[in-house]
Protein backbone atom coordinates (compact mmCIF):
# COMPACT_ATOMS: atom_id res chain seq x y z
CA MET A 1 81.16 92.24 85.80
CA GLN A 2 79.58 89.31 87.57
CA ILE A 3 76.29 88.01 86.21
CA ALA A 4 73.93 85.13 86.91
CA SER A 5 75.65 81.81 87.47
CA TYR A 6 73.82 80.09 84.60
CA ARG A 7 75.94 82.08 82.14
CA ARG A 8 79.21 80.45 81.18
CA GLU A 9 81.22 83.57 80.53
CA PRO A 10 81.57 86.76 82.56
CA GLY A 11 79.61 89.85 81.65
CA ARG A 12 81.35 92.76 80.03
CA LEU A 13 81.16 96.34 81.12
CA PRO A 14 82.54 99.19 79.02
CA LEU A 15 85.59 100.72 80.70
CA CYS A 16 84.03 104.20 80.80
CA ILE A 17 81.10 102.81 82.83
CA ALA A 18 83.35 100.74 85.10
CA GLU A 19 85.45 103.83 85.81
CA LYS A 20 82.37 105.78 86.87
CA ALA A 21 81.25 102.98 89.17
CA TYR A 22 84.79 102.69 90.55
CA GLU A 23 84.85 106.41 91.33
CA VAL A 24 82.00 105.90 93.80
CA TYR A 25 83.38 102.57 95.06
CA SER A 26 86.78 104.06 95.82
CA ALA A 27 85.27 107.14 97.47
CA LEU A 28 83.40 104.85 99.86
CA HIS A 29 85.90 102.01 100.31
CA GLY A 30 89.27 103.52 99.47
CA ASP A 31 91.53 102.81 96.53
CA ARG A 32 93.63 100.00 98.02
CA GLN A 33 92.12 97.75 95.35
CA SER A 34 92.49 99.16 91.85
CA LEU A 35 89.84 98.86 89.16
CA SER A 36 92.16 96.47 87.35
CA ARG A 37 92.50 94.26 90.43
CA LEU A 38 88.74 94.28 90.96
CA GLY A 39 88.37 93.08 87.37
CA GLU A 40 90.83 90.25 88.01
CA ARG A 41 88.71 89.17 90.97
CA GLY A 42 85.49 89.07 88.94
CA GLY A 43 84.49 92.72 88.86
CA PHE A 44 81.45 94.42 90.27
CA SER A 45 78.16 92.58 90.47
CA ALA A 46 75.33 93.97 88.38
CA GLY A 47 73.72 95.25 91.59
CA GLU A 48 76.90 97.07 92.59
CA VAL A 49 77.14 98.75 89.20
CA ILE A 50 73.53 99.89 89.46
CA ALA A 51 73.98 101.19 93.02
CA PHE A 52 77.25 103.01 92.30
CA LEU A 53 75.95 104.64 89.10
CA TYR A 54 72.71 105.61 90.84
CA ALA A 55 74.64 107.25 93.67
CA ARG A 56 76.99 109.05 91.29
CA GLN A 57 74.23 111.33 90.02
CA PHE A 58 73.96 112.92 93.48
CA PRO A 59 76.44 115.22 95.23
CA ARG A 60 79.48 113.33 96.54
CA PRO A 61 78.57 113.79 100.24
CA GLN A 62 75.39 111.77 99.56
CA TRP A 63 77.04 108.83 97.82
CA SER A 64 77.17 106.50 100.80
CA ASP A 65 73.52 107.07 101.69
CA ARG A 66 72.45 106.70 98.07
CA VAL A 67 74.37 103.44 97.56
CA HIS A 68 72.68 102.03 100.66
CA GLU A 69 69.33 103.33 99.41
CA ALA A 70 69.84 101.53 96.09
CA PHE A 71 70.76 98.24 97.78
CA ARG A 72 67.74 98.47 100.10
CA GLY A 73 65.54 99.02 97.05
CA MET A 74 66.95 95.94 95.36
CA VAL A 75 66.20 93.75 98.38
CA ALA A 76 62.70 95.15 98.84
CA SER A 77 61.67 94.43 95.25
C-alpha cells in the first residue's frame, strides 16, 4: 500500500484486506493486472483501499458509483 511520502518504507496491508479491495478493483478495471503485480508496482493508495472497501459493502451493480462517491467525498473534505 502506498502511504505519505515522508515515510521511508511502504505501508503494509493484510492480504485478506487487499484481496477484498482487489475484488472491487478487478470488477471495475478488469483482471489484466493481478493483485501480485499491483503489489510489485506499489500497491493501492490508502484512498483506493478506502474507496474499494466502502463500495464492497453495497451490491455489486453499485460498486462503480460507490467508488466514485467515495473519491468525491475525499476531495470535498
